Every structure is written in structure tokens, then in C-alpha cells.
Amino acid sequence: ASGFTVENLRKYSPAQQLQQKDEKRLIATTPTPTSTKPFASGGGGDVNAIPPVLFLHGGLDSVVLPQCSQDFYQILNQAQQQQSKRQKGRVAASERSRNTLEIMDNVGHQEIILDTCLGGKTQSSIFDWLERTLEMY
């Protein structure tokens, strides 16, 4: 519908929007209706203010490959670790990742959405993650 091409998938992927190279350091950015400010120190934002994120992806998804979620997960974690290190001088083991990536076996592109709405493996994963995450905070 919006021009299904590899170039557009890359251009509009969350990982691409999150990742920008600023010389040798990684800066996470987020688009807002009024501006796009980097989350790196000195950029006006705080990537560590993002709440824990659950990345769920169907392992059989051939429409949006699981690698997209894996890339986004890695980029977000790297940005959070780098900012923590800049702010505190180190990254504690407990801070290494608040985020969770789950590639779900035998789940395709449509099933992950349907299971979320109708119940099933995806919905169970979401509620289990919510319970674990709420216990940590």
C-alpha cells in the first residue's frame, strides 16, 4: 500500500529510524510531531527514559523478517548502554537490558496479531512478560 520495496522497508523500519551515525558514536532518535531530537547526552532526550520493551516476532514471518526486530532490539539496547556508560561511567549488569526479544517458533506474520487479540501463544507471552516486568519495578 505504501510502496512495498526493500528500499521503503529499510527506510521506514524502526531500526533505521532509531539508528543514526554521528561520527563514531550511536545516537538513538525518535520522531515527534514537532521535532526529532537525539536521545544522546546533550541532545535533549534520554533513551533510558523509554520503558522496558517487549519485541515479539514470528519466526515464520516472511513479510517482515525477524531480523528487523532483532536489529531494533540490538540498536535500542546499545543506545541505552552507551548512554548509561556516559552518565555513570559504567553499565551495571542489572542495567544491561530491560528489553526482551522473543522470536516465536511456528508463528507467522498474521498469527502473531491474531493470537494477541484472540488468545494463544502470543497473548500468553505478552502477559507473562508483563508479570515479570512489573515484579522488577
N, C-alpha and C. Protein backbone atom coordinates (compact mmCIF):
# COMPACT_ATOMS: atom_id res chain seq x y z
N ALA A 1 0.82 -1.20 0.00
CA ALA A 1 0.00 0.00 0.00
C ALA A 1 0.86 1.26 0.00
N SER A 2 1.97 1.21 0.75
CA SER A 2 2.83 2.40 0.79
C SER A 2 4.11 2.17 0.00
N GLY A 3 4.03 1.39 -1.05
CA GLY A 3 5.20 1.15 -1.87
C GLY A 3 6.07 0.05 -1.31
N PHE A 4 5.64 -1.18 -1.40
CA PHE A 4 6.36 -2.33 -0.85
C PHE A 4 7.63 -2.58 -1.66
N THR A 5 8.71 -2.00 -1.20
CA THR A 5 10.02 -2.22 -1.80
C THR A 5 11.02 -2.43 -0.68
N VAL A 6 12.12 -3.07 -0.99
CA VAL A 6 13.17 -3.26 0.00
C VAL A 6 13.66 -1.91 0.51
N GLU A 7 13.78 -0.95 -0.40
CA GLU A 7 14.24 0.38 -0.01
C GLU A 7 13.28 1.03 0.99
N ASN A 8 11.96 0.92 0.75
CA ASN A 8 10.99 1.50 1.67
C ASN A 8 10.96 0.76 3.00
N LEU A 9 11.12 -0.57 2.97
CA LEU A 9 11.17 -1.32 4.22
C LEU A 9 12.35 -0.86 5.07
N ARG A 10 13.49 -0.67 4.43
CA ARG A 10 14.65 -0.18 5.17
C ARG A 10 14.44 1.25 5.66
N LYS A 11 13.90 2.08 4.79
CA LYS A 11 13.71 3.50 5.11
C LYS A 11 12.76 3.69 6.30
N TYR A 12 11.70 2.90 6.35
CA TYR A 12 10.68 3.10 7.37
C TYR A 12 10.77 2.12 8.53
N SER A 13 11.79 1.28 8.55
CA SER A 13 11.91 0.32 9.65
C SER A 13 12.23 1.07 10.94
N PRO A 14 11.69 0.59 12.06
CA PRO A 14 12.00 1.24 13.34
C PRO A 14 13.50 1.26 13.62
N ALA A 15 14.20 0.21 13.24
CA ALA A 15 15.64 0.17 13.49
C ALA A 15 16.35 1.29 12.73
N GLN A 16 15.95 1.53 11.49
CA GLN A 16 16.58 2.59 10.71
C GLN A 16 16.26 3.96 11.29
N GLN A 17 15.04 4.12 11.78
CA GLN A 17 14.67 5.41 12.35
C GLN A 17 15.37 5.64 13.68
N LEU A 18 15.68 4.56 14.38
CA LEU A 18 16.34 4.69 15.68
C LEU A 18 17.84 4.91 15.53
N GLN A 19 18.41 4.34 14.48
CA GLN A 19 19.87 4.37 14.36
C GLN A 19 20.32 5.48 13.43
N GLN A 20 21.24 6.28 13.89
CA GLN A 20 21.91 7.28 13.08
C GLN A 20 23.37 7.28 13.50
N LYS A 21 24.21 7.42 12.53
CA LYS A 21 25.63 7.51 12.86
C LYS A 21 26.00 8.98 13.03
N ASP A 22 26.62 9.29 14.15
CA ASP A 22 27.15 10.62 14.39
C ASP A 22 28.63 10.43 14.66
N GLU A 23 29.40 10.49 13.59
CA GLU A 23 30.80 10.14 13.59
C GLU A 23 30.95 8.71 14.07
N LYS A 24 31.54 8.48 15.23
CA LYS A 24 31.79 7.10 15.66
C LYS A 24 30.85 6.64 16.76
N ARG A 25 29.89 7.44 17.13
CA ARG A 25 29.01 7.01 18.21
C ARG A 25 27.59 6.82 17.72
N LEU A 26 26.87 5.97 18.40
CA LEU A 26 25.49 5.65 18.06
C LEU A 26 24.57 6.59 18.81
N ILE A 27 23.64 7.18 18.10
CA ILE A 27 22.66 8.05 18.71
C ILE A 27 21.28 7.50 18.37
N ALA A 28 20.45 7.36 19.35
CA ALA A 28 19.07 6.92 19.11
C ALA A 28 18.21 8.16 18.96
N THR A 29 17.34 8.16 17.97
CA THR A 29 16.44 9.29 17.75
C THR A 29 15.01 8.80 17.71
N THR A 30 14.13 9.69 18.02
CA THR A 30 12.71 9.38 17.92
C THR A 30 12.01 10.53 17.22
N PRO A 31 11.17 10.23 16.22
CA PRO A 31 10.43 11.31 15.58
C PRO A 31 9.25 11.75 16.44
N THR A 32 9.02 13.05 16.52
CA THR A 32 7.85 13.58 17.21
C THR A 32 7.14 14.49 16.23
N PRO A 33 5.88 14.83 16.48
CA PRO A 33 5.18 15.69 15.53
C PRO A 33 5.87 17.03 15.31
N THR A 34 6.57 17.54 16.33
CA THR A 34 7.15 18.87 16.18
C THR A 34 8.65 18.86 15.91
N SER A 35 9.33 17.79 16.30
CA SER A 35 10.77 17.78 16.10
C SER A 35 11.32 16.37 16.20
N THR A 36 12.56 16.24 15.83
CA THR A 36 13.29 14.99 16.02
C THR A 36 14.56 15.34 16.77
N LYS A 37 14.62 14.94 18.03
CA LYS A 37 15.78 15.26 18.86
C LYS A 37 16.52 13.99 19.20
N PRO A 38 17.83 14.02 19.13
CA PRO A 38 18.58 12.82 19.52
C PRO A 38 18.45 12.54 21.00
N PHE A 39 18.47 11.26 21.35
CA PHE A 39 18.38 10.84 22.73
C PHE A 39 19.74 10.81 23.41
N ALA A 40 20.80 11.09 22.70
CA ALA A 40 22.13 11.03 23.30
C ALA A 40 22.33 12.21 24.24
N SER A 41 23.31 12.10 25.10
CA SER A 41 23.57 13.19 26.03
C SER A 41 23.86 14.46 25.26
N GLY A 42 23.29 15.54 25.72
CA GLY A 42 23.47 16.80 25.04
C GLY A 42 22.46 17.00 23.93
N GLY A 43 21.67 15.97 23.63
CA GLY A 43 20.72 16.09 22.54
C GLY A 43 19.31 16.40 22.98
N GLY A 44 19.09 16.51 24.27
CA GLY A 44 17.79 16.91 24.75
C GLY A 44 16.87 15.76 25.12
N GLY A 45 17.31 14.51 24.99
CA GLY A 45 16.45 13.39 25.32
C GLY A 45 17.18 12.37 26.15
N ASP A 46 16.43 11.37 26.61
CA ASP A 46 17.01 10.33 27.45
C ASP A 46 16.50 8.99 26.97
N VAL A 47 17.36 8.24 26.28
CA VAL A 47 16.97 6.94 25.76
C VAL A 47 16.62 5.98 26.88
N ASN A 48 17.17 6.20 28.07
CA ASN A 48 16.87 5.34 29.20
C ASN A 48 15.52 5.66 29.84
N ALA A 49 14.86 6.71 29.37
CA ALA A 49 13.51 7.01 29.84
C ALA A 49 12.47 6.14 29.14
N ILE A 50 12.89 5.46 28.09
CA ILE A 50 11.98 4.55 27.39
C ILE A 50 11.69 3.37 28.32
N PRO A 51 10.43 3.03 28.51
CA PRO A 51 10.12 1.90 29.40
C PRO A 51 10.60 0.59 28.79
N PRO A 52 10.62 -0.49 29.57
CA PRO A 52 11.01 -1.79 29.01
C PRO A 52 10.14 -2.13 27.80
N VAL A 53 10.76 -2.72 26.81
CA VAL A 53 10.08 -3.03 25.55
C VAL A 53 10.11 -4.53 25.31
N LEU A 54 8.97 -5.08 24.92
CA LEU A 54 8.88 -6.48 24.50
C LEU A 54 8.81 -6.51 22.99
N PHE A 55 9.80 -7.12 22.37
CA PHE A 55 9.82 -7.32 20.93
C PHE A 55 9.36 -8.74 20.66
N LEU A 56 8.21 -8.90 20.03
CA LEU A 56 7.71 -10.22 19.65
C LEU A 56 7.72 -10.30 18.13
N HIS A 57 8.19 -11.41 17.62
CA HIS A 57 8.21 -11.57 16.17
C HIS A 57 8.01 -13.03 15.83
N GLY A 58 7.22 -13.28 14.82
CA GLY A 58 7.00 -14.65 14.37
C GLY A 58 8.22 -15.18 13.63
N GLY A 59 8.67 -16.34 14.04
CA GLY A 59 9.83 -16.95 13.40
C GLY A 59 9.57 -17.35 11.96
N LEU A 60 8.30 -17.54 11.59
CA LEU A 60 7.95 -17.91 10.22
C LEU A 60 7.50 -16.71 9.39
N ASP A 61 7.65 -15.51 9.93
CA ASP A 61 7.21 -14.30 9.23
C ASP A 61 8.10 -14.08 8.00
N SER A 62 7.48 -14.12 6.82
CA SER A 62 8.23 -13.88 5.59
C SER A 62 7.88 -12.51 5.01
N VAL A 63 6.96 -11.78 5.66
CA VAL A 63 6.59 -10.44 5.20
C VAL A 63 7.54 -9.41 5.80
N VAL A 64 7.69 -9.46 7.11
CA VAL A 64 8.67 -8.63 7.82
C VAL A 64 9.58 -9.62 8.53
N LEU A 65 10.79 -9.70 8.09
CA LEU A 65 11.70 -10.72 8.60
C LEU A 65 12.03 -10.51 10.08
N PRO A 66 12.20 -11.59 10.83
CA PRO A 66 12.56 -11.48 12.24
C PRO A 66 13.82 -10.63 12.48
N GLN A 67 14.69 -10.57 11.50
CA GLN A 67 15.91 -9.77 11.63
C GLN A 67 15.60 -8.30 11.92
N CYS A 68 14.45 -7.82 11.44
CA CYS A 68 14.06 -6.43 11.70
C CYS A 68 13.90 -6.18 13.21
N SER A 69 13.22 -7.09 13.89
CA SER A 69 13.06 -6.95 15.34
C SER A 69 14.38 -7.16 16.06
N GLN A 70 15.18 -8.10 15.57
CA GLN A 70 16.49 -8.34 16.18
C GLN A 70 17.36 -7.10 16.07
N ASP A 71 17.36 -6.45 14.91
CA ASP A 71 18.15 -5.24 14.72
C ASP A 71 17.67 -4.11 15.64
N PHE A 72 16.36 -3.91 15.68
CA PHE A 72 15.79 -2.84 16.50
C PHE A 72 16.14 -3.07 17.97
N TYR A 73 16.00 -4.31 18.44
CA TYR A 73 16.32 -4.69 19.81
C TYR A 73 17.79 -4.38 20.13
N GLN A 74 18.68 -4.77 19.25
CA GLN A 74 20.11 -4.54 19.48
C GLN A 74 20.45 -3.06 19.49
N ILE A 75 19.87 -2.31 18.57
CA ILE A 75 20.15 -0.87 18.49
C ILE A 75 19.66 -0.15 19.74
N LEU A 76 18.45 -0.47 20.19
CA LEU A 76 17.92 0.16 21.40
C LEU A 76 18.78 -0.19 22.61
N ASN A 77 19.15 -1.45 22.75
CA ASN A 77 20.00 -1.85 23.88
C ASN A 77 21.35 -1.15 23.84
N GLN A 78 21.96 -1.07 22.68
CA GLN A 78 23.25 -0.40 22.55
C GLN A 78 23.15 1.07 22.93
N ALA A 79 22.10 1.73 22.46
CA ALA A 79 21.92 3.15 22.77
C ALA A 79 21.72 3.35 24.27
N GLN A 80 20.94 2.49 24.91
CA GLN A 80 20.71 2.62 26.34
C GLN A 80 21.99 2.35 27.13
N GLN A 81 22.75 1.34 26.72
CA GLN A 81 24.01 1.03 27.41
C GLN A 81 25.01 2.15 27.25
N GLN A 82 25.11 2.70 26.04
CA GLN A 82 26.07 3.78 25.81
C GLN A 82 25.71 5.02 26.62
N GLN A 83 24.42 5.32 26.70
CA GLN A 83 24.04 6.49 27.49
C GLN A 83 24.29 6.25 28.97
N SER A 84 23.98 5.06 29.46
CA SER A 84 24.26 4.75 30.87
C SER A 84 25.75 4.87 31.17
N LYS A 85 26.55 4.38 30.26
CA LYS A 85 28.00 4.44 30.45
C LYS A 85 28.48 5.88 30.47
N ARG A 86 27.94 6.73 29.58
CA ARG A 86 28.33 8.14 29.56
C ARG A 86 27.89 8.85 30.84
N GLN A 87 26.70 8.49 31.34
CA GLN A 87 26.18 9.18 32.52
C GLN A 87 26.82 8.68 33.82
N LYS A 88 27.08 7.37 33.89
CA LYS A 88 27.56 6.78 35.15
C LYS A 88 28.99 6.27 35.07
N GLY A 89 29.56 6.27 33.89
CA GLY A 89 30.91 5.78 33.73
C GLY A 89 31.00 4.27 33.57
N ARG A 90 29.87 3.57 33.70
CA ARG A 90 29.85 2.12 33.55
C ARG A 90 28.40 1.69 33.32
N VAL A 91 28.23 0.44 32.94
CA VAL A 91 26.90 -0.13 32.81
C VAL A 91 26.83 -1.32 33.75
N ALA A 92 25.99 -1.22 34.76
CA ALA A 92 25.82 -2.32 35.71
C ALA A 92 25.15 -3.49 35.03
N ALA A 93 25.46 -4.70 35.48
CA ALA A 93 24.86 -5.91 34.88
C ALA A 93 23.34 -5.84 34.92
N SER A 94 22.78 -5.28 35.98
CA SER A 94 21.32 -5.20 36.10
C SER A 94 20.71 -4.24 35.09
N GLU A 95 21.53 -3.35 34.52
CA GLU A 95 21.03 -2.35 33.57
C GLU A 95 21.29 -2.75 32.12
N ARG A 96 21.90 -3.87 31.90
CA ARG A 96 22.32 -4.21 30.54
C ARG A 96 21.17 -4.28 29.56
N SER A 97 20.04 -4.81 29.97
CA SER A 97 18.89 -4.82 29.08
C SER A 97 17.60 -4.95 29.87
N ARG A 98 16.77 -3.96 29.72
CA ARG A 98 15.43 -4.03 30.29
C ARG A 98 14.46 -4.59 29.25
N ASN A 99 14.95 -4.73 28.04
CA ASN A 99 14.12 -5.12 26.91
C ASN A 99 14.20 -6.63 26.69
N THR A 100 13.17 -7.14 26.04
CA THR A 100 13.09 -8.57 25.78
C THR A 100 12.78 -8.80 24.32
N LEU A 101 13.49 -9.73 23.72
CA LEU A 101 13.23 -10.13 22.33
C LEU A 101 12.81 -11.58 22.35
N GLU A 102 11.68 -11.86 21.73
CA GLU A 102 11.22 -13.25 21.60
C GLU A 102 10.82 -13.51 20.15
N ILE A 103 11.57 -14.39 19.51
CA ILE A 103 11.22 -14.85 18.18
C ILE A 103 10.41 -16.13 18.39
N MET A 104 9.16 -16.09 18.01
CA MET A 104 8.23 -17.18 18.31
C MET A 104 8.23 -18.23 17.20
N ASP A 105 8.62 -19.45 17.57
CA ASP A 105 8.63 -20.56 16.63
C ASP A 105 7.23 -20.84 16.10
N ASN A 106 7.16 -21.25 14.86
CA ASN A 106 5.90 -21.67 14.23
C ASN A 106 4.82 -20.59 14.24
N VAL A 107 5.22 -19.33 14.25
CA VAL A 107 4.28 -18.22 14.21
C VAL A 107 4.65 -17.34 13.02
N GLY A 108 3.65 -17.02 12.21
CA GLY A 108 3.87 -16.19 11.03
C GLY A 108 3.45 -14.75 11.24
N HIS A 109 3.37 -14.02 10.15
CA HIS A 109 3.07 -12.59 10.17
C HIS A 109 1.68 -12.30 10.75
N GLN A 110 0.69 -13.01 10.30
CA GLN A 110 -0.68 -12.73 10.73
C GLN A 110 -1.01 -13.37 12.07
N GLU A 111 -0.46 -14.54 12.33
CA GLU A 111 -0.78 -15.25 13.56
C GLU A 111 -0.40 -14.47 14.80
N ILE A 112 0.70 -13.74 14.73
CA ILE A 112 1.14 -13.02 15.93
C ILE A 112 0.11 -11.96 16.34
N ILE A 113 -0.53 -11.33 15.37
CA ILE A 113 -1.56 -10.33 15.66
C ILE A 113 -2.85 -11.02 16.12
N LEU A 114 -3.25 -12.06 15.40
CA LEU A 114 -4.48 -12.76 15.76
C LEU A 114 -4.39 -13.37 17.15
N ASP A 115 -3.25 -13.99 17.46
CA ASP A 115 -3.06 -14.58 18.80
C ASP A 115 -3.10 -13.51 19.89
N THR A 116 -2.63 -12.33 19.58
CA THR A 116 -2.66 -11.25 20.56
C THR A 116 -4.10 -10.88 20.89
N CYS A 117 -4.93 -10.82 19.87
CA CYS A 117 -6.33 -10.43 20.05
C CYS A 117 -7.21 -11.56 20.56
N LEU A 118 -6.99 -12.76 20.05
CA LEU A 118 -7.91 -13.87 20.31
C LEU A 118 -7.42 -14.84 21.38
N GLY A 119 -6.22 -14.66 21.84
CA GLY A 119 -5.64 -15.58 22.81
C GLY A 119 -4.76 -16.58 22.10
N GLY A 120 -3.84 -17.13 22.83
CA GLY A 120 -2.91 -18.08 22.25
C GLY A 120 -1.50 -17.79 22.72
N LYS A 121 -0.54 -18.37 22.01
CA LYS A 121 0.87 -18.30 22.38
C LYS A 121 1.37 -16.85 22.53
N THR A 122 0.99 -16.00 21.59
CA THR A 122 1.45 -14.60 21.63
C THR A 122 0.89 -13.87 22.84
N GLN A 123 -0.40 -14.01 23.07
CA GLN A 123 -1.02 -13.34 24.20
C GLN A 123 -0.43 -13.83 25.52
N SER A 124 -0.18 -15.13 25.61
CA SER A 124 0.44 -15.68 26.82
C SER A 124 1.82 -15.09 27.05
N SER A 125 2.60 -14.96 25.98
CA SER A 125 3.95 -14.37 26.10
C SER A 125 3.87 -12.93 26.59
N ILE A 126 2.91 -12.19 26.09
CA ILE A 126 2.76 -10.79 26.50
C ILE A 126 2.42 -10.69 27.98
N PHE A 127 1.45 -11.48 28.43
CA PHE A 127 1.05 -11.41 29.84
C PHE A 127 2.15 -11.93 30.76
N ASP A 128 2.86 -12.97 30.35
CA ASP A 128 3.99 -13.46 31.16
C ASP A 128 5.06 -12.38 31.29
N TRP A 129 5.37 -11.71 30.18
CA TRP A 129 6.37 -10.64 30.19
C TRP A 129 5.91 -9.49 31.08
N LEU A 130 4.64 -9.13 30.98
CA LEU A 130 4.12 -8.04 31.83
C LEU A 130 4.26 -8.37 33.30
N GLU A 131 3.91 -9.60 33.67
CA GLU A 131 4.05 -10.00 35.07
C GLU A 131 5.50 -9.93 35.54
N ARG A 132 6.43 -10.47 34.73
CA ARG A 132 7.86 -10.42 35.10
C ARG A 132 8.36 -8.99 35.19
N THR A 133 7.95 -8.16 34.26
CA THR A 133 8.42 -6.77 34.23
C THR A 133 7.88 -5.98 35.41
N LEU A 134 6.61 -6.16 35.72
CA LEU A 134 6.02 -5.44 36.85
C LEU A 134 6.66 -5.86 38.17
N GLU A 135 7.06 -7.12 38.29
CA GLU A 135 7.74 -7.57 39.51
C GLU A 135 9.08 -6.88 39.69
N MET A 136 9.74 -6.55 38.57
CA MET A 136 11.06 -5.91 38.65
C MET A 136 10.96 -4.46 39.08
N TYR A 137 9.84 -3.83 38.85
CA TYR A 137 9.70 -2.40 39.15
C TYR A 137 8.75 -2.25 40.28
